[in-house]
Amino acid sequence: MKYHTVVKAFYDLSPDELYQIMRLRIEVFVIEQQCFYQDADNKDQHCHHLMLLKDNELVAYARIVPAGLSFEEASIGRVITSAQVRGTGAGKILMEVAIQTCRQLFGNVPIRIGAQTYAKAFYASLGFEASGSEFMEDGIPHIEMVTKPL
């Protein structure tokens, strides 16, 4: 499958791009996962937004977060793939680009994530190691994971 990636700061997003991002986040987190939480958390404005597009349609997304906003370290959050591309490798492509983007933006620094526990092996395959104990967030088991600098 052919994908195209776009990374933009919040204020560089077009209204259509922002709409697609919010729509996909609601579709996956709120509707599919039945996770009722405050998605608009006032962090988006300080982040970069990674969009994975297929035929100009947003199919996967991740938020690139500077250190000190969600965690002490730089982080990647709101990682999602649409149902239509799950199992195709889109998530791996998304995360590889997200890690690369973090390092381009913030340097060779550790990257922390709050991973849903079921995806722990997936993130471990990308170089993340568990850090701490499992915890519940919005009714879903999570674990913090971190990469080491290269």
N, C-alpha and C. Protein backbone atom coordinates (compact mmCIF):
# COMPACT_ATOMS: atom_id res chain seq x y z
N MET A 1 0.83 -1.19 0.00
CA MET A 1 0.00 0.00 0.00
C MET A 1 0.87 1.24 0.00
N LYS A 2 0.44 2.23 -0.69
CA LYS A 2 1.14 3.51 -0.77
C LYS A 2 0.54 4.48 0.24
N TYR A 3 1.39 5.03 1.09
CA TYR A 3 0.97 6.03 2.06
C TYR A 3 1.80 7.29 1.86
N HIS A 4 1.24 8.38 2.26
CA HIS A 4 1.91 9.67 2.22
C HIS A 4 1.84 10.25 3.63
N THR A 5 2.95 10.73 4.15
CA THR A 5 2.93 11.31 5.50
C THR A 5 3.06 12.83 5.42
N VAL A 6 2.39 13.48 6.34
CA VAL A 6 2.43 14.93 6.48
C VAL A 6 2.58 15.23 7.96
N VAL A 7 3.51 16.12 8.30
CA VAL A 7 3.69 16.57 9.68
C VAL A 7 3.52 18.08 9.69
N LYS A 8 2.65 18.56 10.58
CA LYS A 8 2.43 19.99 10.66
C LYS A 8 2.26 20.42 12.12
N ALA A 9 2.72 21.63 12.40
CA ALA A 9 2.41 22.25 13.68
C ALA A 9 0.91 22.57 13.68
N PHE A 10 0.33 22.70 14.85
CA PHE A 10 -1.10 22.92 14.98
C PHE A 10 -1.60 24.09 14.13
N TYR A 11 -0.91 25.22 14.23
CA TYR A 11 -1.40 26.42 13.55
C TYR A 11 -1.17 26.39 12.04
N ASP A 12 -0.47 25.36 11.55
CA ASP A 12 -0.30 25.19 10.11
C ASP A 12 -1.33 24.23 9.52
N LEU A 13 -2.10 23.56 10.38
CA LEU A 13 -3.14 22.65 9.89
C LEU A 13 -4.25 23.44 9.21
N SER A 14 -4.75 22.90 8.11
CA SER A 14 -5.92 23.51 7.48
C SER A 14 -7.16 23.11 8.29
N PRO A 15 -8.25 23.85 8.16
CA PRO A 15 -9.48 23.43 8.85
C PRO A 15 -9.89 22.01 8.48
N ASP A 16 -9.73 21.63 7.21
CA ASP A 16 -10.09 20.29 6.78
C ASP A 16 -9.20 19.23 7.45
N GLU A 17 -7.89 19.50 7.55
CA GLU A 17 -6.99 18.56 8.21
C GLU A 17 -7.35 18.39 9.68
N LEU A 18 -7.59 19.50 10.36
CA LEU A 18 -7.98 19.44 11.77
C LEU A 18 -9.28 18.66 11.94
N TYR A 19 -10.23 18.89 11.06
CA TYR A 19 -11.50 18.17 11.12
C TYR A 19 -11.27 16.66 10.96
N GLN A 20 -10.44 16.28 9.96
CA GLN A 20 -10.17 14.86 9.75
C GLN A 20 -9.50 14.22 10.97
N ILE A 21 -8.56 14.94 11.58
CA ILE A 21 -7.88 14.44 12.78
C ILE A 21 -8.88 14.22 13.91
N MET A 22 -9.68 15.23 14.19
CA MET A 22 -10.65 15.12 15.29
C MET A 22 -11.67 14.03 15.01
N ARG A 23 -12.09 13.92 13.75
CA ARG A 23 -13.07 12.90 13.38
C ARG A 23 -12.50 11.50 13.61
N LEU A 24 -11.24 11.27 13.18
CA LEU A 24 -10.63 9.95 13.37
C LEU A 24 -10.40 9.65 14.84
N ARG A 25 -9.98 10.63 15.61
CA ARG A 25 -9.76 10.41 17.04
C ARG A 25 -11.08 10.04 17.73
N ILE A 26 -12.15 10.71 17.38
CA ILE A 26 -13.46 10.40 17.97
C ILE A 26 -13.94 9.03 17.50
N GLU A 27 -13.78 8.75 16.21
CA GLU A 27 -14.22 7.48 15.65
C GLU A 27 -13.55 6.30 16.37
N VAL A 28 -12.25 6.38 16.60
CA VAL A 28 -11.53 5.26 17.20
C VAL A 28 -11.64 5.26 18.72
N PHE A 29 -11.27 6.36 19.36
CA PHE A 29 -11.21 6.36 20.82
C PHE A 29 -12.59 6.39 21.48
N VAL A 30 -13.47 7.25 21.01
CA VAL A 30 -14.76 7.42 21.68
C VAL A 30 -15.77 6.36 21.23
N ILE A 31 -15.91 6.18 19.91
CA ILE A 31 -16.95 5.27 19.42
C ILE A 31 -16.49 3.81 19.49
N GLU A 32 -15.37 3.47 18.84
CA GLU A 32 -14.92 2.07 18.82
C GLU A 32 -14.53 1.56 20.20
N GLN A 33 -13.72 2.34 20.91
CA GLN A 33 -13.21 1.89 22.20
C GLN A 33 -14.12 2.28 23.35
N GLN A 34 -15.18 3.00 23.06
CA GLN A 34 -16.15 3.46 24.07
C GLN A 34 -15.44 4.11 25.25
N CYS A 35 -14.51 4.97 24.92
CA CYS A 35 -13.70 5.67 25.92
C CYS A 35 -14.16 7.13 25.95
N PHE A 36 -14.84 7.48 27.01
CA PHE A 36 -15.38 8.84 27.11
C PHE A 36 -14.41 9.70 27.91
N TYR A 37 -13.76 10.61 27.21
CA TYR A 37 -12.72 11.43 27.82
C TYR A 37 -12.69 12.78 27.11
N GLN A 38 -11.98 13.72 27.69
CA GLN A 38 -11.86 15.06 27.11
C GLN A 38 -10.73 15.05 26.10
N ASP A 39 -11.04 14.84 24.83
CA ASP A 39 -10.01 14.77 23.79
C ASP A 39 -9.35 16.13 23.57
N ALA A 40 -10.13 17.19 23.56
CA ALA A 40 -9.58 18.54 23.38
C ALA A 40 -8.99 18.97 24.72
N ASP A 41 -7.68 18.67 24.90
CA ASP A 41 -7.04 18.83 26.20
C ASP A 41 -6.07 20.01 26.28
N ASN A 42 -6.14 20.91 25.31
CA ASN A 42 -5.27 22.09 25.25
C ASN A 42 -3.80 21.76 25.05
N LYS A 43 -3.50 20.54 24.59
CA LYS A 43 -2.13 20.18 24.26
C LYS A 43 -1.88 20.27 22.76
N ASP A 44 -2.92 20.06 21.96
CA ASP A 44 -2.76 20.04 20.50
C ASP A 44 -2.06 21.28 19.96
N GLN A 45 -2.35 22.43 20.54
CA GLN A 45 -1.80 23.69 20.05
C GLN A 45 -0.27 23.75 20.17
N HIS A 46 0.30 22.93 21.04
CA HIS A 46 1.75 22.94 21.30
C HIS A 46 2.48 21.77 20.63
N CYS A 47 1.74 20.98 19.86
CA CYS A 47 2.27 19.74 19.30
C CYS A 47 2.39 19.81 17.77
N HIS A 48 3.09 18.81 17.25
CA HIS A 48 3.10 18.57 15.82
C HIS A 48 2.17 17.38 15.58
N HIS A 49 1.59 17.36 14.40
CA HIS A 49 0.57 16.36 14.09
C HIS A 49 0.99 15.58 12.86
N LEU A 50 1.15 14.27 13.04
CA LEU A 50 1.58 13.37 11.98
C LEU A 50 0.35 12.70 11.38
N MET A 51 0.17 12.91 10.10
CA MET A 51 -0.96 12.32 9.39
C MET A 51 -0.45 11.33 8.37
N LEU A 52 -1.00 10.13 8.37
CA LEU A 52 -0.70 9.13 7.36
C LEU A 52 -1.91 9.08 6.43
N LEU A 53 -1.67 9.39 5.17
CA LEU A 53 -2.76 9.51 4.20
C LEU A 53 -2.67 8.40 3.16
N LYS A 54 -3.82 7.93 2.75
CA LYS A 54 -3.94 6.98 1.64
C LYS A 54 -4.99 7.56 0.71
N ASP A 55 -4.60 7.84 -0.51
CA ASP A 55 -5.51 8.47 -1.47
C ASP A 55 -6.12 9.74 -0.90
N ASN A 56 -5.28 10.55 -0.25
CA ASN A 56 -5.67 11.83 0.35
C ASN A 56 -6.68 11.71 1.49
N GLU A 57 -6.85 10.51 2.03
CA GLU A 57 -7.73 10.30 3.17
C GLU A 57 -6.89 9.95 4.39
N LEU A 58 -7.18 10.58 5.52
CA LEU A 58 -6.47 10.30 6.76
C LEU A 58 -6.81 8.90 7.24
N VAL A 59 -5.78 8.03 7.34
CA VAL A 59 -6.02 6.65 7.77
C VAL A 59 -5.28 6.32 9.07
N ALA A 60 -4.33 7.16 9.47
CA ALA A 60 -3.62 6.96 10.73
C ALA A 60 -3.07 8.30 11.19
N TYR A 61 -2.84 8.41 12.49
CA TYR A 61 -2.47 9.71 13.06
C TYR A 61 -1.70 9.49 14.36
N ALA A 62 -0.78 10.42 14.64
CA ALA A 62 -0.10 10.46 15.94
C ALA A 62 0.21 11.91 16.28
N ARG A 63 0.18 12.20 17.56
CA ARG A 63 0.51 13.55 18.05
C ARG A 63 1.92 13.51 18.61
N ILE A 64 2.77 14.43 18.13
CA ILE A 64 4.17 14.52 18.57
C ILE A 64 4.22 15.62 19.63
N VAL A 65 4.57 15.22 20.85
CA VAL A 65 4.44 16.09 22.02
C VAL A 65 5.80 16.48 22.57
N PRO A 66 6.05 17.79 22.75
CA PRO A 66 7.34 18.20 23.31
C PRO A 66 7.48 17.79 24.78
N ALA A 67 8.71 17.69 25.23
CA ALA A 67 8.99 17.35 26.63
C ALA A 67 8.30 18.36 27.55
N GLY A 68 7.80 17.85 28.67
CA GLY A 68 7.20 18.71 29.68
C GLY A 68 5.71 18.94 29.52
N LEU A 69 5.12 18.49 28.42
CA LEU A 69 3.69 18.72 28.21
C LEU A 69 2.85 17.55 28.71
N SER A 70 3.20 16.34 28.32
CA SER A 70 2.51 15.14 28.82
C SER A 70 3.38 14.37 29.80
N PHE A 71 4.67 14.31 29.47
CA PHE A 71 5.66 13.61 30.29
C PHE A 71 6.89 14.49 30.38
N GLU A 72 7.82 14.11 31.25
CA GLU A 72 9.10 14.82 31.35
C GLU A 72 9.84 14.74 30.02
N GLU A 73 9.73 13.59 29.34
CA GLU A 73 10.38 13.38 28.05
C GLU A 73 9.45 13.81 26.91
N ALA A 74 10.02 13.94 25.70
CA ALA A 74 9.20 14.08 24.50
C ALA A 74 8.34 12.83 24.41
N SER A 75 7.20 12.94 23.74
CA SER A 75 6.32 11.78 23.69
C SER A 75 5.52 11.74 22.39
N ILE A 76 4.94 10.59 22.17
CA ILE A 76 4.05 10.36 21.04
C ILE A 76 2.72 9.91 21.64
N GLY A 77 1.65 10.56 21.22
CA GLY A 77 0.35 10.23 21.79
C GLY A 77 -0.74 10.21 20.74
N ARG A 78 -1.93 9.86 21.19
CA ARG A 78 -3.12 9.80 20.34
C ARG A 78 -2.85 8.96 19.08
N VAL A 79 -2.10 7.87 19.24
CA VAL A 79 -1.74 7.01 18.12
C VAL A 79 -2.96 6.21 17.70
N ILE A 80 -3.36 6.38 16.43
CA ILE A 80 -4.55 5.67 15.95
C ILE A 80 -4.40 5.27 14.48
N THR A 81 -5.04 4.16 14.16
CA THR A 81 -5.21 3.76 12.76
C THR A 81 -6.69 3.50 12.55
N SER A 82 -7.17 3.84 11.38
CA SER A 82 -8.57 3.57 11.07
C SER A 82 -8.75 2.08 10.85
N ALA A 83 -9.96 1.60 11.06
CA ALA A 83 -10.25 0.17 10.91
C ALA A 83 -9.89 -0.33 9.52
N GLN A 84 -10.02 0.51 8.50
CA GLN A 84 -9.78 0.07 7.12
C GLN A 84 -8.33 -0.29 6.84
N VAL A 85 -7.37 0.17 7.66
CA VAL A 85 -5.96 -0.15 7.40
C VAL A 85 -5.30 -0.96 8.50
N ARG A 86 -6.04 -1.35 9.51
CA ARG A 86 -5.44 -2.16 10.56
C ARG A 86 -5.01 -3.51 9.99
N GLY A 87 -3.83 -3.94 10.42
CA GLY A 87 -3.30 -5.21 9.94
C GLY A 87 -2.54 -5.11 8.62
N THR A 88 -2.37 -3.90 8.10
CA THR A 88 -1.68 -3.71 6.82
C THR A 88 -0.26 -3.20 6.99
N GLY A 89 0.15 -2.93 8.22
CA GLY A 89 1.47 -2.35 8.46
C GLY A 89 1.44 -0.84 8.59
N ALA A 90 0.27 -0.24 8.45
CA ALA A 90 0.15 1.23 8.55
C ALA A 90 0.57 1.73 9.92
N GLY A 91 0.23 1.01 10.98
CA GLY A 91 0.60 1.42 12.33
C GLY A 91 2.10 1.44 12.53
N LYS A 92 2.78 0.46 11.97
CA LYS A 92 4.24 0.41 12.08
C LYS A 92 4.87 1.58 11.32
N ILE A 93 4.38 1.83 10.11
CA ILE A 93 4.88 2.97 9.34
C ILE A 93 4.65 4.26 10.11
N LEU A 94 3.46 4.42 10.66
CA LEU A 94 3.12 5.62 11.43
C LEU A 94 4.10 5.81 12.58
N MET A 95 4.35 4.76 13.36
CA MET A 95 5.22 4.88 14.52
C MET A 95 6.67 5.10 14.13
N GLU A 96 7.13 4.46 13.07
CA GLU A 96 8.50 4.69 12.62
C GLU A 96 8.71 6.15 12.22
N VAL A 97 7.73 6.71 11.51
CA VAL A 97 7.81 8.13 11.13
C VAL A 97 7.67 9.02 12.36
N ALA A 98 6.81 8.63 13.31
CA ALA A 98 6.64 9.43 14.53
C ALA A 98 7.94 9.49 15.33
N ILE A 99 8.62 8.37 15.47
CA ILE A 99 9.90 8.33 16.19
C ILE A 99 10.92 9.19 15.48
N GLN A 100 11.01 9.03 14.18
CA GLN A 100 11.94 9.83 13.37
C GLN A 100 11.63 11.33 13.50
N THR A 101 10.35 11.68 13.48
CA THR A 101 9.94 13.08 13.60
C THR A 101 10.29 13.64 14.97
N CYS A 102 10.07 12.86 16.01
CA CYS A 102 10.44 13.28 17.37
C CYS A 102 11.92 13.62 17.42
N ARG A 103 12.72 12.77 16.85
CA ARG A 103 14.17 12.98 16.89
C ARG A 103 14.59 14.18 16.04
N GLN A 104 13.91 14.40 14.92
CA GLN A 104 14.21 15.57 14.09
C GLN A 104 13.84 16.87 14.82
N LEU A 105 12.71 16.84 15.52
CA LEU A 105 12.23 18.04 16.21
C LEU A 105 12.97 18.31 17.52
N PHE A 106 13.27 17.25 18.28
CA PHE A 106 13.74 17.42 19.65
C PHE A 106 15.15 16.89 19.91
N GLY A 107 15.76 16.26 18.90
CA GLY A 107 17.10 15.72 19.08
C GLY A 107 17.06 14.26 19.51
N ASN A 108 18.23 13.74 19.82
CA ASN A 108 18.38 12.33 20.21
C ASN A 108 18.03 12.19 21.69
N VAL A 109 16.75 12.17 21.97
CA VAL A 109 16.25 12.15 23.34
C VAL A 109 15.40 10.90 23.56
N PRO A 110 15.19 10.51 24.82
CA PRO A 110 14.25 9.43 25.09
C PRO A 110 12.84 9.87 24.67
N ILE A 111 12.03 8.92 24.27
CA ILE A 111 10.63 9.19 23.89
C ILE A 111 9.76 8.30 24.76
N ARG A 112 8.77 8.89 25.42
CA ARG A 112 7.87 8.14 26.30
C ARG A 112 6.48 8.09 25.68
N ILE A 113 5.81 6.96 25.89
CA ILE A 113 4.42 6.81 25.47
C ILE A 113 3.61 6.22 26.61
N GLY A 114 2.33 6.46 26.60
CA GLY A 114 1.38 5.78 27.47
C GLY A 114 0.63 4.79 26.59
N ALA A 115 1.11 3.57 26.50
CA ALA A 115 0.58 2.58 25.56
C ALA A 115 -0.58 1.80 26.17
N GLN A 116 -1.59 1.52 25.34
CA GLN A 116 -2.61 0.58 25.78
C GLN A 116 -1.91 -0.77 25.92
N THR A 117 -2.14 -1.43 27.02
CA THR A 117 -1.38 -2.63 27.37
C THR A 117 -1.44 -3.71 26.30
N TYR A 118 -2.57 -3.85 25.62
CA TYR A 118 -2.67 -4.89 24.60
C TYR A 118 -1.65 -4.69 23.48
N ALA A 119 -1.16 -3.45 23.29
CA ALA A 119 -0.22 -3.14 22.20
C ALA A 119 1.23 -3.13 22.67
N LYS A 120 1.49 -3.61 23.88
CA LYS A 120 2.84 -3.57 24.45
C LYS A 120 3.87 -4.25 23.55
N ALA A 121 3.57 -5.41 23.01
CA ALA A 121 4.52 -6.13 22.15
C ALA A 121 4.79 -5.35 20.86
N PHE A 122 3.77 -4.71 20.32
CA PHE A 122 3.94 -3.89 19.12
C PHE A 122 4.94 -2.77 19.37
N TYR A 123 4.76 -2.05 20.47
CA TYR A 123 5.66 -0.94 20.79
C TYR A 123 7.06 -1.45 21.15
N ALA A 124 7.14 -2.61 21.80
CA ALA A 124 8.45 -3.19 22.11
C ALA A 124 9.21 -3.51 20.83
N SER A 125 8.51 -3.92 19.79
CA SER A 125 9.17 -4.23 18.51
C SER A 125 9.75 -2.98 17.86
N LEU A 126 9.33 -1.80 18.32
CA LEU A 126 9.83 -0.53 17.80
C LEU A 126 10.88 0.10 18.71
N GLY A 127 11.28 -0.64 19.76
CA GLY A 127 12.35 -0.15 20.64
C GLY A 127 11.88 0.45 21.96
N PHE A 128 10.60 0.37 22.26
CA PHE A 128 10.10 0.89 23.53
C PHE A 128 10.20 -0.20 24.60
N GLU A 129 10.55 0.20 25.82
CA GLU A 129 10.62 -0.72 26.95
C GLU A 129 9.64 -0.27 28.02
N ALA A 130 8.99 -1.23 28.66
CA ALA A 130 8.04 -0.92 29.74
C ALA A 130 8.74 -0.16 30.84
N SER A 131 8.05 0.80 31.40
CA SER A 131 8.59 1.63 32.47
C SER A 131 7.49 1.82 33.52
N GLY A 132 7.56 1.04 34.56
CA GLY A 132 6.53 1.15 35.59
C GLY A 132 5.48 0.07 35.46
N SER A 133 4.44 0.21 36.25
CA SER A 133 3.37 -0.78 36.33
C SER A 133 2.19 -0.38 35.47
N GLU A 134 1.38 -1.37 35.16
CA GLU A 134 0.15 -1.13 34.42
C GLU A 134 -0.77 -0.23 35.25
N PHE A 135 -1.51 0.64 34.57
CA PHE A 135 -2.47 1.52 35.23
C PHE A 135 -3.70 1.68 34.34
N MET A 136 -4.78 2.11 34.93
CA MET A 136 -6.01 2.33 34.18
C MET A 136 -6.09 3.80 33.80
N GLU A 137 -6.40 4.05 32.53
CA GLU A 137 -6.63 5.41 32.05
C GLU A 137 -7.90 5.37 31.21
N ASP A 138 -8.89 6.14 31.63
CA ASP A 138 -10.17 6.20 30.91
C ASP A 138 -10.78 4.81 30.72
N GLY A 139 -10.60 3.94 31.72
CA GLY A 139 -11.19 2.61 31.69
C GLY A 139 -10.45 1.59 30.86
N ILE A 140 -9.24 1.94 30.38
CA ILE A 140 -8.46 1.04 29.53
C ILE A 140 -7.09 0.83 30.17
N PRO A 141 -6.62 -0.44 30.31
CA PRO A 141 -5.29 -0.69 30.88
C PRO A 141 -4.19 -0.10 30.00
N HIS A 142 -3.27 0.61 30.62
CA HIS A 142 -2.13 1.24 29.94
C HIS A 142 -0.83 0.91 30.68
N ILE A 143 0.26 1.13 29.99
CA ILE A 143 1.59 1.04 30.60
C ILE A 143 2.46 2.10 29.93
N GLU A 144 3.28 2.76 30.73
CA GLU A 144 4.24 3.72 30.16
C GLU A 144 5.39 2.91 29.58
N MET A 145 5.87 3.38 28.43
CA MET A 145 7.01 2.77 27.77
C MET A 145 7.91 3.88 27.29
N VAL A 146 9.21 3.60 27.20
CA VAL A 146 10.17 4.62 26.81
C VAL A 146 11.26 4.03 25.92
N THR A 147 11.74 4.85 24.99
CA THR A 147 12.90 4.47 24.17
C THR A 147 14.12 5.11 24.80
N LYS A 148 15.25 4.54 24.53
CA LYS A 148 16.52 5.13 24.95
C LYS A 148 17.03 5.97 23.80
N PRO A 149 17.84 7.00 24.09
CA PRO A 149 18.46 7.75 22.99
C PRO A 149 19.33 6.81 22.15
N LEU A 150 19.47 7.11 20.88
CA LEU A 150 20.32 6.28 20.00
C LEU A 150 21.78 6.40 20.35
